[in-house]
């Protein structure tokens, strides 16, 4: 028996679309991260980018459970003294709904050069309109 090591040129990349209307962000982020890394494929290798492109629509309508809408905080630092900016989930949902999903997925992929390359294949949109119709994305059901 031989162990097959996939090469970056041999990987067949597909496009998937995930609708977050009424979905829980954390549960959806797990599925999105697995597809981005390629863990859903039989030829997964942790040191090669085997993943597919993911389009996330309706990020504005994603939810969280429990008291997170008022207690979950997103931190951003401007780089200047006293420049810490803190927003709650509800504030982020109003101003930057795509950043909530990006933040959740970014925390679930490796924090390395490979992780930064994988993260570039994520495309998040607040509504159901996206410019990737030509790629013929396949829908993925989030349960």
C-alpha atoms as a PDB file:
ATOM      1  CA  UNK A   1       0.000   0.000   0.000  1.00  0.00           C
ATOM      2  CA  UNK A   2       1.179   3.489  -0.829  1.00  0.00           C
ATOM      3  CA  UNK A   3       0.414   6.723   0.922  1.00  0.00           C
ATOM      4  CA  UNK A   4      -0.724   9.302  -1.597  1.00  0.00           C
ATOM      5  CA  UNK A   5       0.539  12.833  -1.012  1.00  0.00           C
ATOM      6  CA  UNK A   6      -1.488  15.414  -2.933  1.00  0.00           C
ATOM      7  CA  UNK A   7       0.310  18.181  -4.786  1.00  0.00           C
ATOM      8  CA  UNK A   8      -1.103  21.690  -5.024  1.00  0.00           C
ATOM      9  CA  UNK A   9      -1.420  21.369  -8.812  1.00  0.00           C
ATOM     10  CA  UNK A  10      -3.404  18.108  -8.641  1.00  0.00           C
ATOM     11  CA  UNK A  11      -6.165  19.367  -6.360  1.00  0.00           C
ATOM     12  CA  UNK A  12      -9.601  19.892  -7.906  1.00  0.00           C
ATOM     13  CA  UNK A  13     -11.054  23.052  -6.359  1.00  0.00           C
ATOM     14  CA  UNK A  14     -14.805  23.552  -6.237  1.00  0.00           C
ATOM     15  CA  UNK A  15     -17.021  26.425  -5.122  1.00  0.00           C
ATOM     16  CA  UNK A  16     -19.647  26.066  -2.406  1.00  0.00           C
ATOM     17  CA  UNK A  17     -22.295  28.506  -1.224  1.00  0.00           C
ATOM     18  CA  UNK A  18     -23.563  28.509   2.359  1.00  0.00           C
ATOM     19  CA  UNK A  19     -26.682  30.399   3.425  1.00  0.00           C
ATOM     20  CA  UNK A  20     -26.539  31.625   7.041  1.00  0.00           C
ATOM     21  CA  UNK A  21     -30.146  32.785   7.305  1.00  0.00           C
ATOM     22  CA  UNK A  22     -31.183  31.666  10.796  1.00  0.00           C
ATOM     23  CA  UNK A  23     -27.995  29.626  11.325  1.00  0.00           C
ATOM     24  CA  UNK A  24     -25.811  29.750  14.432  1.00  0.00           C
ATOM     25  CA  UNK A  25     -22.469  31.352  13.573  1.00  0.00           C
ATOM     26  CA  UNK A  26     -20.225  28.982  15.537  1.00  0.00           C
ATOM     27  CA  UNK A  27     -21.784  25.819  14.151  1.00  0.00           C
ATOM     28  CA  UNK A  28     -21.621  27.164  10.619  1.00  0.00           C
ATOM     29  CA  UNK A  29     -18.011  28.297  11.075  1.00  0.00           C
ATOM     30  CA  UNK A  30     -16.939  24.723  11.849  1.00  0.00           C
ATOM     31  CA  UNK A  31     -18.399  23.493   8.560  1.00  0.00           C
ATOM     32  CA  UNK A  32     -16.915  26.448   6.635  1.00  0.00           C
ATOM     33  CA  UNK A  33     -13.447  25.891   8.130  1.00  0.00           C
ATOM     34  CA  UNK A  34     -13.538  22.185   7.260  1.00  0.00           C
ATOM     35  CA  UNK A  35     -14.384  22.935   3.620  1.00  0.00           C
ATOM     36  CA  UNK A  36     -11.733  25.671   3.398  1.00  0.00           C
ATOM     37  CA  UNK A  37      -9.034  23.344   4.750  1.00  0.00           C
ATOM     38  CA  UNK A  38     -10.188  20.346   2.673  1.00  0.00           C
ATOM     39  CA  UNK A  39     -10.991  18.074   5.607  1.00  0.00           C
ATOM     40  CA  UNK A  40     -14.091  16.859   3.768  1.00  0.00           C
ATOM     41  CA  UNK A  41     -11.926  15.260   1.049  1.00  0.00           C
ATOM     42  CA  UNK A  42     -10.305  11.826   1.161  1.00  0.00           C
ATOM     43  CA  UNK A  43      -6.942  13.270   0.075  1.00  0.00           C
ATOM     44  CA  UNK A  44      -6.645  15.723   2.994  1.00  0.00           C
ATOM     45  CA  UNK A  45      -3.123  16.527   4.042  1.00  0.00           C
ATOM     46  CA  UNK A  46      -2.449  19.022   6.848  1.00  0.00           C
ATOM     47  CA  UNK A  47       0.540  20.663   5.137  1.00  0.00           C
ATOM     48  CA  UNK A  48      -1.099  21.232   1.715  1.00  0.00           C
ATOM     49  CA  UNK A  49      -3.931  23.591   0.814  1.00  0.00           C
ATOM     50  CA  UNK A  50      -6.500  21.000  -0.296  1.00  0.00           C
ATOM     51  CA  UNK A  51      -9.601  23.076   0.353  1.00  0.00           C
ATOM     52  CA  UNK A  52     -12.319  24.615  -1.767  1.00  0.00           C
ATOM     53  CA  UNK A  53     -13.682  28.138  -2.130  1.00  0.00           C
ATOM     54  CA  UNK A  54     -16.632  29.053   0.093  1.00  0.00           C
ATOM     55  CA  UNK A  55     -19.198  31.798  -0.496  1.00  0.00           C
ATOM     56  CA  UNK A  56     -21.191  32.762   2.589  1.00  0.00           C
ATOM     57  CA  UNK A  57     -24.421  34.685   2.017  1.00  0.00           C
ATOM     58  CA  UNK A  58     -26.914  36.294   4.410  1.00  0.00           C
ATOM     59  CA  UNK A  59     -24.279  36.919   7.098  1.00  0.00           C
ATOM     60  CA  UNK A  60     -26.519  39.697   8.415  1.00  0.00           C
ATOM     61  CA  UNK A  61     -29.162  37.106   9.423  1.00  0.00           C
ATOM     62  CA  UNK A  62     -26.856  34.758  11.378  1.00  0.00           C
ATOM     63  CA  UNK A  63     -27.517  34.298  15.091  1.00  0.00           C
ATOM     64  CA  UNK A  64     -25.809  33.243  18.295  1.00  0.00           C
ATOM     65  CA  UNK A  65     -27.205  31.424  21.314  1.00  0.00           C
ATOM     66  CA  UNK A  66     -27.717  32.415  24.923  1.00  0.00           C
ATOM     67  CA  UNK A  67     -26.707  35.861  26.167  1.00  0.00           C
ATOM     68  CA  UNK A  68     -24.058  36.345  23.505  1.00  0.00           C
ATOM     69  CA  UNK A  69     -25.950  39.093  21.597  1.00  0.00           C
ATOM     70  CA  UNK A  70     -25.359  41.480  24.475  1.00  0.00           C
ATOM     71  CA  UNK A  71     -22.301  39.982  26.221  1.00  0.00           C
ATOM     72  CA  UNK A  72     -20.037  38.788  23.382  1.00  0.00           C
ATOM     73  CA  UNK A  73     -17.399  41.385  22.571  1.00  0.00           C
ATOM     74  CA  UNK A  74     -15.219  41.959  19.517  1.00  0.00           C
ATOM     75  CA  UNK A  75     -11.919  43.732  20.179  1.00  0.00           C
ATOM     76  CA  UNK A  76      -9.947  45.790  17.667  1.00  0.00           C
ATOM     77  CA  UNK A  77      -6.817  47.800  18.370  1.00  0.00           C
ATOM     78  CA  UNK A  78      -5.952  50.806  16.186  1.00  0.00           C
ATOM     79  CA  UNK A  79      -2.262  50.785  17.065  1.00  0.00           C
ATOM     80  CA  UNK A  80      -2.363  54.079  18.935  1.00  0.00           C
ATOM     81  CA  UNK A  81      -2.274  54.581  22.712  1.00  0.00           C
ATOM     82  CA  UNK A  82      -5.799  54.224  24.070  1.00  0.00           C
ATOM     83  CA  UNK A  83      -6.945  52.874  20.709  1.00  0.00           C
ATOM     84  CA  UNK A  84      -8.791  49.763  21.898  1.00  0.00           C
ATOM     85  CA  UNK A  85     -12.216  49.596  20.229  1.00  0.00           C
ATOM     86  CA  UNK A  86     -14.807  47.227  21.699  1.00  0.00           C
ATOM     87  CA  UNK A  87     -18.126  46.303  20.079  1.00  0.00           C
ATOM     88  CA  UNK A  88     -20.825  43.880  21.186  1.00  0.00           C
ATOM     89  CA  UNK A  89     -22.390  41.300  18.883  1.00  0.00           C
ATOM     90  CA  UNK A  90     -25.452  43.491  18.270  1.00  0.00           C
ATOM     91  CA  UNK A  91     -23.293  46.475  17.306  1.00  0.00           C
ATOM     92  CA  UNK A  92     -21.209  44.333  14.930  1.00  0.00           C
ATOM     93  CA  UNK A  93     -24.353  42.865  13.380  1.00  0.00           C
ATOM     94  CA  UNK A  94     -25.525  46.366  12.509  1.00  0.00           C
ATOM     95  CA  UNK A  95     -22.257  47.859  11.240  1.00  0.00           C
ATOM     96  CA  UNK A  96     -20.081  44.969   9.989  1.00  0.00           C
ATOM     97  CA  UNK A  97     -22.048  41.696   9.698  1.00  0.00           C
ATOM     98  CA  UNK A  98     -19.389  40.026   7.552  1.00  0.00           C
ATOM     99  CA  UNK A  99     -16.639  40.481  10.150  1.00  0.00           C
ATOM    100  CA  UNK A 100     -18.502  38.310  12.672  1.00  0.00           C
ATOM    101  CA  UNK A 101     -18.350  35.296  10.351  1.00  0.00           C
ATOM    102  CA  UNK A 102     -14.783  36.038   9.266  1.00  0.00           C
ATOM    103  CA  UNK A 103     -13.668  36.276  12.894  1.00  0.00           C
ATOM    104  CA  UNK A 104     -15.291  32.953  13.793  1.00  0.00           C
ATOM    105  CA  UNK A 105     -13.769  31.128  10.811  1.00  0.00           C
ATOM    106  CA  UNK A 106     -10.337  32.739  11.247  1.00  0.00           C
ATOM    107  CA  UNK A 107     -10.155  31.320  14.759  1.00  0.00           C
ATOM    108  CA  UNK A 108     -10.788  27.794  13.453  1.00  0.00           C
ATOM    109  CA  UNK A 109      -8.046  27.625  10.827  1.00  0.00           C
ATOM    110  CA  UNK A 110      -4.289  27.473  11.517  1.00  0.00           C
ATOM    111  CA  UNK A 111      -2.545  30.740  12.390  1.00  0.00           C
ATOM    112  CA  UNK A 112       0.284  30.122   9.912  1.00  0.00           C
ATOM    113  CA  UNK A 113       1.222  30.970   6.336  1.00  0.00           C
ATOM    114  CA  UNK A 114      -0.989  28.122   5.167  1.00  0.00           C
ATOM    115  CA  UNK A 115      -3.892  29.434   7.250  1.00  0.00           C
ATOM    116  CA  UNK A 116      -3.607  32.897   5.682  1.00  0.00           C
ATOM    117  CA  UNK A 117      -3.635  31.308   2.224  1.00  0.00           C
ATOM    118  CA  UNK A 118      -6.680  29.190   3.126  1.00  0.00           C
ATOM    119  CA  UNK A 119      -8.541  32.200   4.546  1.00  0.00           C
ATOM    120  CA  UNK A 120      -8.326  34.045   1.210  1.00  0.00           C
ATOM    121  CA  UNK A 121     -10.745  31.493  -0.275  1.00  0.00           C
ATOM    122  CA  UNK A 122     -13.554  32.682   1.999  1.00  0.00           C
ATOM    123  CA  UNK A 123     -16.001  35.196   0.496  1.00  0.00           C
ATOM    124  CA  UNK A 124     -18.615  36.612   2.906  1.00  0.00           C
ATOM    125  CA  UNK A 125     -21.571  38.788   1.862  1.00  0.00           C
ATOM    126  CA  UNK A 126     -24.206  40.375   4.126  1.00  0.00           C
ATOM    127  CA  UNK A 127     -27.120  39.689   1.754  1.00  0.00           C
ATOM    128  CA  UNK A 128     -27.977  36.961  -0.740  1.00  0.00           C
ATOM    129  CA  UNK A 129     -26.295  38.743  -3.684  1.00  0.00           C
ATOM    130  CA  UNK A 130     -22.780  37.680  -4.678  1.00  0.00           C
ATOM    131  CA  UNK A 131     -20.679  38.111  -7.853  1.00  0.00           C
ATOM    132  CA  UNK A 132     -19.611  34.449  -8.129  1.00  0.00           C
ATOM    133  CA  UNK A 133     -22.457  32.998 -10.223  1.00  0.00           C
ATOM    134  CA  UNK A 134     -20.044  32.145 -13.059  1.00  0.00           C
ATOM    135  CA  UNK A 135     -18.253  29.629 -10.812  1.00  0.00           C
ATOM    136  CA  UNK A 136     -21.522  27.625 -10.441  1.00  0.00           C
ATOM    137  CA  UNK A 137     -21.287  27.150  -6.647  1.00  0.00           C
ATOM    138  CA  UNK A 138     -22.947  24.124  -5.102  1.00  0.00           C
ATOM    139  CA  UNK A 139     -25.196  24.757  -2.067  1.00  0.00           C
ATOM    140  CA  UNK A 140     -24.181  23.261   1.274  1.00  0.00           C
ATOM    141  CA  UNK A 141     -26.778  22.612   3.951  1.00  0.00           C
ATOM    142  CA  UNK A 142     -25.892  23.720   7.477  1.00  0.00           C
ATOM    143  CA  UNK A 143     -27.695  21.563  10.021  1.00  0.00           C
END
